[in-house]
């Protein structure tokens, strides 16, 4: 599912709950939610959605790797990586 498909699913679910909202406004709301999660992660916060899961940031240390083509050693800089841990309700829904 891509972002546009997600917007349509959310819009259809809202219609099913008798919420009057346009597809355009639904797209804006999805953008606001995603931007809010990204903003919280950038500021070092964890985003916990009870039952769904927790978004966080993992720190990766600098390391040494190898170029697979040449075998040459390369330095891999330290970085921050997004992480997600599924909540119980999400895990249960899939199993």
PDB file of N, CA and C in Angstrom:
ATOM      1  N   UNK A   1       0.854  -1.177   0.000  1.00  0.00           N
ATOM      2  CA  UNK A   1       0.000   0.000   0.000  1.00  0.00           C
ATOM      3  C   UNK A   1       0.893   1.232   0.000  1.00  0.00           C
ATOM      4  N   UNK A   2       0.614   2.146  -0.908  1.00  0.00           N
ATOM      5  CA  UNK A   2       1.366   3.396  -0.923  1.00  0.00           C
ATOM      6  C   UNK A   2       0.564   4.485  -0.198  1.00  0.00           C
ATOM      7  N   UNK A   3       1.126   5.684  -0.154  1.00  0.00           N
ATOM      8  CA  UNK A   3       0.500   6.771   0.606  1.00  0.00           C
ATOM      9  C   UNK A   3      -0.891   7.124   0.058  1.00  0.00           C
ATOM     10  N   UNK A   4      -1.026   7.183  -1.270  1.00  0.00           N
ATOM     11  CA  UNK A   4      -2.331   7.523  -1.857  1.00  0.00           C
ATOM     12  C   UNK A   4      -3.372   6.469  -1.513  1.00  0.00           C
ATOM     13  N   UNK A   5      -2.981   5.206  -1.540  1.00  0.00           N
ATOM     14  CA  UNK A   5      -3.908   4.132  -1.175  1.00  0.00           C
ATOM     15  C   UNK A   5      -4.294   4.230   0.303  1.00  0.00           C
ATOM     16  N   UNK A   6      -3.337   4.605   1.141  1.00  0.00           N
ATOM     17  CA  UNK A   6      -3.636   4.802   2.566  1.00  0.00           C
ATOM     18  C   UNK A   6      -4.656   5.921   2.756  1.00  0.00           C
ATOM     19  N   UNK A   7      -4.475   7.018   2.038  1.00  0.00           N
ATOM     20  CA  UNK A   7      -5.420   8.140   2.124  1.00  0.00           C
ATOM     21  C   UNK A   7      -6.823   7.676   1.758  1.00  0.00           C
ATOM     22  N   UNK A   8      -6.943   6.913   0.682  1.00  0.00           N
ATOM     23  CA  UNK A   8      -8.257   6.419   0.254  1.00  0.00           C
ATOM     24  C   UNK A   8      -8.852   5.502   1.322  1.00  0.00           C
ATOM     25  N   UNK A   9      -8.049   4.617   1.904  1.00  0.00           N
ATOM     26  CA  UNK A   9      -8.545   3.711   2.962  1.00  0.00           C
ATOM     27  C   UNK A   9      -9.045   4.504   4.168  1.00  0.00           C
ATOM     28  N   UNK A  10      -8.280   5.515   4.578  1.00  0.00           N
ATOM     29  CA  UNK A  10      -8.684   6.348   5.716  1.00  0.00           C
ATOM     30  C   UNK A  10      -9.960   7.098   5.384  1.00  0.00           C
ATOM     31  N   UNK A  11     -10.043   7.646   4.180  1.00  0.00           N
ATOM     32  CA  UNK A  11     -11.229   8.399   3.746  1.00  0.00           C
ATOM     33  C   UNK A  11     -12.461   7.493   3.742  1.00  0.00           C
ATOM     34  N   UNK A  12     -12.307   6.265   3.208  1.00  0.00           N
ATOM     35  CA  UNK A  12     -13.429   5.320   3.177  1.00  0.00           C
ATOM     36  C   UNK A  12     -13.837   4.906   4.587  1.00  0.00           C
ATOM     37  N   UNK A  13     -12.857   4.721   5.484  1.00  0.00           N
ATOM     38  CA  UNK A  13     -13.170   4.354   6.866  1.00  0.00           C
ATOM     39  C   UNK A  13     -13.908   5.492   7.568  1.00  0.00           C
ATOM     40  N   UNK A  14     -13.515   6.722   7.274  1.00  0.00           N
ATOM     41  CA  UNK A  14     -14.195   7.880   7.869  1.00  0.00           C
ATOM     42  C   UNK A  14     -15.633   7.967   7.382  1.00  0.00           C
ATOM     43  N   UNK A  15     -15.843   7.714   6.084  1.00  0.00           N
ATOM     44  CA  UNK A  15     -17.206   7.718   5.544  1.00  0.00           C
ATOM     45  C   UNK A  15     -18.051   6.648   6.230  1.00  0.00           C
ATOM     46  N   UNK A  16     -17.450   5.495   6.481  1.00  0.00           N
ATOM     47  CA  UNK A  16     -18.157   4.399   7.143  1.00  0.00           C
ATOM     48  C   UNK A  16     -18.558   4.740   8.566  1.00  0.00           C
ATOM     49  N   UNK A  17     -17.859   5.691   9.167  1.00  0.00           N
ATOM     50  CA  UNK A  17     -18.191   6.133  10.530  1.00  0.00           C
ATOM     51  C   UNK A  17     -18.953   7.444  10.497  1.00  0.00           C
ATOM     52  N   UNK A  18     -19.480   7.747   9.316  1.00  0.00           N
ATOM     53  CA  UNK A  18     -20.297   8.941   9.100  1.00  0.00           C
ATOM     54  C   UNK A  18     -19.571  10.240   9.429  1.00  0.00           C
ATOM     55  N   UNK A  19     -18.277  10.282   9.106  1.00  0.00           N
ATOM     56  CA  UNK A  19     -17.480  11.499   9.246  1.00  0.00           C
ATOM     57  C   UNK A  19     -17.377  12.118   7.863  1.00  0.00           C
ATOM     58  N   UNK A  20     -17.825  13.354   7.735  1.00  0.00           N
ATOM     59  CA  UNK A  20     -17.783  14.017   6.441  1.00  0.00           C
ATOM     60  C   UNK A  20     -16.459  14.742   6.286  1.00  0.00           C
ATOM     61  N   UNK A  21     -15.626  14.207   5.398  1.00  0.00           N
ATOM     62  CA  UNK A  21     -14.318  14.796   5.137  1.00  0.00           C
ATOM     63  C   UNK A  21     -13.970  14.504   3.680  1.00  0.00           C
ATOM     64  N   UNK A  22     -13.352  15.467   3.026  1.00  0.00           N
ATOM     65  CA  UNK A  22     -12.990  15.273   1.619  1.00  0.00           C
ATOM     66  C   UNK A  22     -11.700  14.457   1.527  1.00  0.00           C
ATOM     67  N   UNK A  23     -11.452  13.904   0.345  1.00  0.00           N
ATOM     68  CA  UNK A  23     -10.202  13.166   0.138  1.00  0.00           C
ATOM     69  C   UNK A  23      -9.004  14.096   0.312  1.00  0.00           C
ATOM     70  N   UNK A  24      -9.138  15.329  -0.144  1.00  0.00           N
ATOM     71  CA  UNK A  24      -8.052  16.302  -0.005  1.00  0.00           C
ATOM     72  C   UNK A  24      -7.725  16.585   1.449  1.00  0.00           C
ATOM     73  N   UNK A  25      -8.763  16.768   2.262  1.00  0.00           N
ATOM     74  CA  UNK A  25      -8.541  17.007   3.693  1.00  0.00           C
ATOM     75  C   UNK A  25      -7.977  15.762   4.374  1.00  0.00           C
ATOM     76  N   UNK A  26      -8.408  14.593   3.927  1.00  0.00           N
ATOM     77  CA  UNK A  26      -7.874  13.353   4.473  1.00  0.00           C
ATOM     78  C   UNK A  26      -6.385  13.255   4.174  1.00  0.00           C
ATOM     79  N   UNK A  27      -5.983  13.615   2.952  1.00  0.00           N
ATOM     80  CA  UNK A  27      -4.564  13.600   2.578  1.00  0.00           C
ATOM     81  C   UNK A  27      -3.771  14.557   3.462  1.00  0.00           C
ATOM     82  N   UNK A  28      -4.337  15.736   3.734  1.00  0.00           N
ATOM     83  CA  UNK A  28      -3.665  16.705   4.604  1.00  0.00           C
ATOM     84  C   UNK A  28      -3.512  16.154   6.016  1.00  0.00           C
ATOM     85  N   UNK A  29      -4.554  15.469   6.523  1.00  0.00           N
ATOM     86  CA  UNK A  29      -4.477  14.894   7.865  1.00  0.00           C
ATOM     87  C   UNK A  29      -3.420  13.788   7.949  1.00  0.00           C
ATOM     88  N   UNK A  30      -3.362  12.952   6.926  1.00  0.00           N
ATOM     89  CA  UNK A  30      -2.333  11.903   6.895  1.00  0.00           C
ATOM     90  C   UNK A  30      -0.952  12.555   6.903  1.00  0.00           C
ATOM     91  N   UNK A  31      -0.764  13.601   6.108  1.00  0.00           N
ATOM     92  CA  UNK A  31       0.514  14.327   6.087  1.00  0.00           C
ATOM     93  C   UNK A  31       0.855  14.902   7.453  1.00  0.00           C
ATOM     94  N   UNK A  32      -0.141  15.476   8.128  1.00  0.00           N
ATOM     95  CA  UNK A  32       0.083  16.065   9.448  1.00  0.00           C
ATOM     96  C   UNK A  32       0.510  14.991  10.446  1.00  0.00           C
ATOM     97  N   UNK A  33      -0.138  13.834  10.416  1.00  0.00           N
ATOM     98  CA  UNK A  33       0.216  12.743  11.323  1.00  0.00           C
ATOM     99  C   UNK A  33       1.649  12.287  11.062  1.00  0.00           C
ATOM    100  N   UNK A  34       1.981  12.048   9.797  1.00  0.00           N
ATOM    101  CA  UNK A  34       3.332  11.587   9.464  1.00  0.00           C
ATOM    102  C   UNK A  34       4.382  12.642   9.818  1.00  0.00           C
ATOM    103  N   UNK A  35       4.100  13.906   9.518  1.00  0.00           N
ATOM    104  CA  UNK A  35       5.031  14.987   9.864  1.00  0.00           C
ATOM    105  C   UNK A  35       5.216  15.096  11.378  1.00  0.00           C
ATOM    106  N   UNK A  36       4.153  14.867  12.136  1.00  0.00           N
ATOM    107  CA  UNK A  36       4.238  14.928  13.600  1.00  0.00           C
ATOM    108  C   UNK A  36       5.116  13.811  14.139  1.00  0.00           C
ATOM    109  N   UNK A  37       4.983  12.624  13.570  1.00  0.00           N
ATOM    110  CA  UNK A  37       5.820  11.494  13.995  1.00  0.00           C
ATOM    111  C   UNK A  37       7.282  11.786  13.663  1.00  0.00           C
ATOM    112  N   UNK A  38       7.538  12.263  12.451  1.00  0.00           N
ATOM    113  CA  UNK A  38       8.912  12.586  12.047  1.00  0.00           C
ATOM    114  C   UNK A  38       9.498  13.676  12.941  1.00  0.00           C
ATOM    115  N   UNK A  39       8.715  14.707  13.224  1.00  0.00           N
ATOM    116  CA  UNK A  39       9.179  15.792  14.088  1.00  0.00           C
ATOM    117  C   UNK A  39       9.539  15.311  15.479  1.00  0.00           C
ATOM    118  N   UNK A  40       8.714  14.439  16.034  1.00  0.00           N
ATOM    119  CA  UNK A  40       8.994  13.906  17.368  1.00  0.00           C
ATOM    120  C   UNK A  40      10.270  13.070  17.354  1.00  0.00           C
ATOM    121  N   UNK A  41      10.446  12.252  16.335  1.00  0.00           N
ATOM    122  CA  UNK A  41      11.659  11.427  16.239  1.00  0.00           C
ATOM    123  C   UNK A  41      12.898  12.292  16.073  1.00  0.00           C
ATOM    124  N   UNK A  42      12.799  13.362  15.277  1.00  0.00           N
ATOM    125  CA  UNK A  42      13.933  14.269  15.081  1.00  0.00           C
ATOM    126  C   UNK A  42      14.362  14.906  16.399  1.00  0.00           C
ATOM    127  N   UNK A  43      13.395  15.199  17.259  1.00  0.00           N
ATOM    128  CA  UNK A  43      13.720  15.844  18.531  1.00  0.00           C
ATOM    129  C   UNK A  43      14.090  14.829  19.618  1.00  0.00           C
ATOM    130  N   UNK A  44      14.203  13.568  19.230  1.00  0.00           N
ATOM    131  CA  UNK A  44      14.662  12.547  20.173  1.00  0.00           C
ATOM    132  C   UNK A  44      13.558  11.885  20.969  1.00  0.00           C
ATOM    133  N   UNK A  45      12.312  12.200  20.673  1.00  0.00           N
ATOM    134  CA  UNK A  45      11.195  11.595  21.391  1.00  0.00           C
ATOM    135  C   UNK A  45      10.827  10.246  20.781  1.00  0.00           C
ATOM    136  N   UNK A  46      10.164   9.442  21.590  1.00  0.00           N
ATOM    137  CA  UNK A  46       9.600   8.190  21.135  1.00  0.00           C
ATOM    138  C   UNK A  46       8.114   8.440  20.872  1.00  0.00           C
ATOM    139  N   UNK A  47       7.543   7.803  19.864  1.00  0.00           N
ATOM    140  CA  UNK A  47       6.116   7.942  19.581  1.00  0.00           C
ATOM    141  C   UNK A  47       5.468   6.597  19.872  1.00  0.00           C
ATOM    142  N   UNK A  48       4.632   6.571  20.910  1.00  0.00           N
ATOM    143  CA  UNK A  48       4.009   5.329  21.355  1.00  0.00           C
ATOM    144  C   UNK A  48       2.515   5.384  21.061  1.00  0.00           C
ATOM    145  N   UNK A  49       2.075   4.491  20.178  1.00  0.00           N
ATOM    146  CA  UNK A  49       0.659   4.378  19.841  1.00  0.00           C
ATOM    147  C   UNK A  49       0.180   3.066  20.458  1.00  0.00           C
ATOM    148  N   UNK A  50      -0.482   3.162  21.590  1.00  0.00           N
ATOM    149  CA  UNK A  50      -0.860   1.987  22.369  1.00  0.00           C
ATOM    150  C   UNK A  50      -1.627   0.989  21.499  1.00  0.00           C
ATOM    151  N   UNK A  51      -1.174  -0.247  21.531  1.00  0.00           N
ATOM    152  CA  UNK A  51      -1.798  -1.304  20.759  1.00  0.00           C
ATOM    153  C   UNK A  51      -1.224  -1.437  19.355  1.00  0.00           C
ATOM    154  N   UNK A  52      -0.768  -0.333  18.776  1.00  0.00           N
ATOM    155  CA  UNK A  52      -0.211  -0.370  17.419  1.00  0.00           C
ATOM    156  C   UNK A  52       1.290  -0.596  17.455  1.00  0.00           C
ATOM    157  N   UNK A  53       1.996   0.272  18.180  1.00  0.00           N
ATOM    158  CA  UNK A  53       3.442   0.103  18.269  1.00  0.00           C
ATOM    159  C   UNK A  53       4.145   1.377  18.676  1.00  0.00           C
ATOM    160  N   UNK A  54       5.484   1.279  18.704  1.00  0.00           N
ATOM    161  CA  UNK A  54       6.312   2.389  19.141  1.00  0.00           C
ATOM    162  C   UNK A  54       7.359   2.702  18.088  1.00  0.00           C
ATOM    163  N   UNK A  55       7.429   3.967  17.708  1.00  0.00           N
ATOM    164  CA  UNK A  55       8.456   4.451  16.797  1.00  0.00           C
ATOM    165  C   UNK A  55       9.573   5.051  17.634  1.00  0.00           C
ATOM    166  N   UNK A  56      10.808   4.793  17.253  1.00  0.00           N
ATOM    167  CA  UNK A  56      11.946   5.340  17.980  1.00  0.00           C
ATOM    168  C   UNK A  56      13.114   5.543  17.032  1.00  0.00           C
ATOM    169  N   UNK A  57      14.247   5.950  17.610  1.00  0.00           N
ATOM    170  CA  UNK A  57      15.457   6.185  16.839  1.00  0.00           C
ATOM    171  C   UNK A  57      16.582   5.370  17.466  1.00  0.00           C
ATOM    172  N   UNK A  58      17.300   4.629  16.635  1.00  0.00           N
ATOM    173  CA  UNK A  58      18.454   3.855  17.089  1.00  0.00           C
ATOM    174  C   UNK A  58      19.717   4.555  16.589  1.00  0.00           C
ATOM    175  N   UNK A  59      20.715   4.644  17.454  1.00  0.00           N
ATOM    176  CA  UNK A  59      21.999   5.243  17.093  1.00  0.00           C
ATOM    177  C   UNK A  59      22.910   4.137  16.561  1.00  0.00           C
ATOM    178  N   UNK A  60      23.435   4.328  15.389  1.00  0.00           N
ATOM    179  CA  UNK A  60      24.404   3.381  14.822  1.00  0.00           C
ATOM    180  C   UNK A  60      25.785   3.983  14.940  1.00  0.00           C
ATOM    181  N   UNK A  61      26.711   3.227  15.477  1.00  0.00           N
ATOM    182  CA  UNK A  61      28.086   3.697  15.612  1.00  0.00           C
ATOM    183  C   UNK A  61      28.775   3.651  14.256  1.00  0.00           C
ATOM    184  N   UNK A  62      29.823   4.452  14.128  1.00  0.00           N
ATOM    185  CA  UNK A  62      30.645   4.397  12.921  1.00  0.00           C
ATOM    186  C   UNK A  62      31.302   3.023  12.853  1.00  0.00           C
ATOM    187  N   UNK A  63      31.495   2.526  11.656  1.00  0.00           N
ATOM    188  CA  UNK A  63      32.115   1.213  11.507  1.00  0.00           C
ATOM    189  C   UNK A  63      32.923   1.161  10.219  1.00  0.00           C
ATOM    190  N   UNK A  64      33.624   0.062  10.061  1.00  0.00           N
ATOM    191  CA  UNK A  64      34.402  -0.137   8.849  1.00  0.00           C
ATOM    192  C   UNK A  64      33.743  -1.238   8.032  1.00  0.00           C
ATOM    193  N   UNK A  65      33.610  -1.013   6.751  1.00  0.00           N
ATOM    194  CA  UNK A  65      33.017  -2.009   5.865  1.00  0.00           C
ATOM    195  C   UNK A  65      33.919  -2.255   4.670  1.00  0.00           C
ATOM    196  N   UNK A  66      33.416  -3.020   3.743  1.00  0.00           N
ATOM    197  CA  UNK A  66      34.180  -3.313   2.527  1.00  0.00           C
ATOM    198  C   UNK A  66      33.306  -3.068   1.303  1.00  0.00           C
ATOM    199  N   UNK A  67      33.910  -2.510   0.277  1.00  0.00           N
ATOM    200  CA  UNK A  67      33.242  -2.355  -1.001  1.00  0.00           C
ATOM    201  C   UNK A  67      33.113  -3.753  -1.606  1.00  0.00           C
ATOM    202  N   UNK A  68      31.882  -4.215  -1.878  1.00  0.00           N
ATOM    203  CA  UNK A  68      31.722  -5.578  -2.375  1.00  0.00           C
ATOM    204  C   UNK A  68      32.370  -5.824  -3.740  1.00  0.00           C
ATOM    205  N   UNK A  69      32.526  -4.799  -4.546  1.00  0.00           N
ATOM    206  CA  UNK A  69      33.130  -4.974  -5.875  1.00  0.00           C
ATOM    207  C   UNK A  69      34.645  -5.063  -5.819  1.00  0.00           C
ATOM    208  N   UNK A  70      35.236  -4.171  -5.021  1.00  0.00           N
ATOM    209  CA  UNK A  70      36.698  -4.083  -5.030  1.00  0.00           C
ATOM    210  C   UNK A  70      37.344  -4.704  -3.800  1.00  0.00           C
ATOM    211  N   UNK A  71      36.564  -4.915  -2.744  1.00  0.00           N
ATOM    212  CA  UNK A  71      37.130  -5.433  -1.498  1.00  0.00           C
ATOM    213  C   UNK A  71      37.833  -4.356  -0.689  1.00  0.00           C
ATOM    214  N   UNK A  72      37.827  -3.120  -1.193  1.00  0.00           N
ATOM    215  CA  UNK A  72      38.484  -2.003  -0.518  1.00  0.00           C
ATOM    216  C   UNK A  72      37.753  -1.665   0.781  1.00  0.00           C
ATOM    217  N   UNK A  73      38.527  -1.349   1.833  1.00  0.00           N
ATOM    218  CA  UNK A  73      37.937  -0.955   3.121  1.00  0.00           C
ATOM    219  C   UNK A  73      37.352   0.448   2.988  1.00  0.00           C
ATOM    220  N   UNK A  74      36.182   0.650   3.581  1.00  0.00           N
ATOM    221  CA  UNK A  74      35.540   1.969   3.590  1.00  0.00           C
ATOM    222  C   UNK A  74      35.052   2.271   5.000  1.00  0.00           C
ATOM    223  N   UNK A  75      34.974   3.543   5.313  1.00  0.00           N
ATOM    224  CA  UNK A  75      34.464   3.976   6.607  1.00  0.00           C
ATOM    225  C   UNK A  75      32.973   4.279   6.482  1.00  0.00           C
ATOM    226  N   UNK A  76      32.179   3.682   7.356  1.00  0.00           N
ATOM    227  CA  UNK A  76      30.740   3.928   7.383  1.00  0.00           C
ATOM    228  C   UNK A  76      30.491   4.865   8.555  1.00  0.00           C
ATOM    229  N   UNK A  77      29.984   6.075   8.290  1.00  0.00           N
ATOM    230  CA  UNK A  77      29.807   7.057   9.376  1.00  0.00           C
ATOM    231  C   UNK A  77      28.685   6.662  10.332  1.00  0.00           C
ATOM    232  N   UNK A  78      28.737   7.216  11.533  1.00  0.00           N
ATOM    233  CA  UNK A  78      27.663   7.024  12.509  1.00  0.00           C
ATOM    234  C   UNK A  78      26.387   7.615  11.933  1.00  0.00           C
ATOM    235  N   UNK A  79      25.247   7.024  12.295  1.00  0.00           N
ATOM    236  CA  UNK A  79      23.975   7.530  11.789  1.00  0.00           C
ATOM    237  C   UNK A  79      22.848   7.186  12.746  1.00  0.00           C
ATOM    238  N   UNK A  80      21.724   7.826  12.523  1.00  0.00           N
ATOM    239  CA  UNK A  80      20.510   7.545  13.275  1.00  0.00           C
ATOM    240  C   UNK A  80      19.570   6.793  12.351  1.00  0.00           C
ATOM    241  N   UNK A  81      18.975   5.715  12.846  1.00  0.00           N
ATOM    242  CA  UNK A  81      18.081   4.889  12.050  1.00  0.00           C
ATOM    243  C   UNK A  81      16.716   4.819  12.726  1.00  0.00           C
ATOM    244  N   UNK A  82      15.626   4.944  11.956  1.00  0.00           N
ATOM    245  CA  UNK A  82      14.302   4.780  12.553  1.00  0.00           C
ATOM    246  C   UNK A  82      14.083   3.318  12.923  1.00  0.00           C
ATOM    247  N   UNK A  83      13.342   3.115  13.996  1.00  0.00           N
ATOM    248  CA  UNK A  83      12.988   1.747  14.387  1.00  0.00           C
ATOM    249  C   UNK A  83      11.515   1.717  14.761  1.00  0.00           C
ATOM    250  N   UNK A  84      10.927   0.542  14.679  1.00  0.00           N
ATOM    251  CA  UNK A  84       9.518   0.370  15.017  1.00  0.00           C
ATOM    252  C   UNK A  84       9.360  -0.958  15.736  1.00  0.00           C
ATOM    253  N   UNK A  85       8.668  -0.919  16.854  1.00  0.00           N
ATOM    254  CA  UNK A  85       8.368  -2.149  17.587  1.00  0.00           C
ATOM    255  C   UNK A  85       6.847  -2.287  17.623  1.00  0.00           C
ATOM    256  N   UNK A  86       6.352  -3.375  17.058  1.00  0.00           N
ATOM    257  CA  UNK A  86       4.910  -3.598  16.980  1.00  0.00           C
ATOM    258  C   UNK A  86       4.313  -3.807  18.364  1.00  0.00           C
ATOM    259  N   UNK A  87       3.105  -3.277  18.564  1.00  0.00           N
ATOM    260  CA  UNK A  87       2.372  -3.456  19.815  1.00  0.00           C
ATOM    261  C   UNK A  87       1.624  -4.784  19.821  1.00  0.00           C
ATOM    262  N   UNK A  88       1.106  -5.148  20.985  1.00  0.00           N
ATOM    263  CA  UNK A  88       0.437  -6.437  21.160  1.00  0.00           C
ATOM    264  C   UNK A  88      -0.768  -6.591  20.235  1.00  0.00           C
ATOM    265  N   UNK A  89      -1.617  -5.579  20.135  1.00  0.00           N
ATOM    266  CA  UNK A  89      -2.810  -5.686  19.281  1.00  0.00           C
ATOM    267  C   UNK A  89      -2.430  -5.907  17.819  1.00  0.00           C
ATOM    268  N   UNK A  90      -1.394  -5.242  17.347  1.00  0.00           N
ATOM    269  CA  UNK A  90      -0.951  -5.411  15.971  1.00  0.00           C
ATOM    270  C   UNK A  90      -0.397  -6.822  15.769  1.00  0.00           C
ATOM    271  N   UNK A  91       0.439  -7.269  16.685  1.00  0.00           N
ATOM    272  CA  UNK A  91       0.977  -8.635  16.577  1.00  0.00           C
ATOM    273  C   UNK A  91      -0.135  -9.677  16.601  1.00  0.00           C
ATOM    274  N   UNK A  92      -1.091  -9.498  17.515  1.00  0.00           N
ATOM    275  CA  UNK A  92      -2.210 -10.440  17.621  1.00  0.00           C
ATOM    276  C   UNK A  92      -3.082 -10.452  16.360  1.00  0.00           C
ATOM    277  N   UNK A  93      -3.242  -9.282  15.737  1.00  0.00           N
ATOM    278  CA  UNK A  93      -4.059  -9.187  14.530  1.00  0.00           C
ATOM    279  C   UNK A  93      -3.427  -9.937  13.356  1.00  0.00           C
ATOM    280  N   UNK A  94      -2.108 -10.067  13.381  1.00  0.00           N
ATOM    281  CA  UNK A  94      -1.408 -10.735  12.291  1.00  0.00           C
ATOM    282  C   UNK A  94      -1.216 -12.211  12.507  1.00  0.00           C
ATOM    283  N   UNK A  95      -1.439 -12.681  13.724  1.00  0.00           N
ATOM    284  CA  UNK A  95      -1.223 -14.103  14.025  1.00  0.00           C
ATOM    285  C   UNK A  95      -2.495 -14.825  14.359  1.00  0.00           C
TER     286      UNK A  95
END
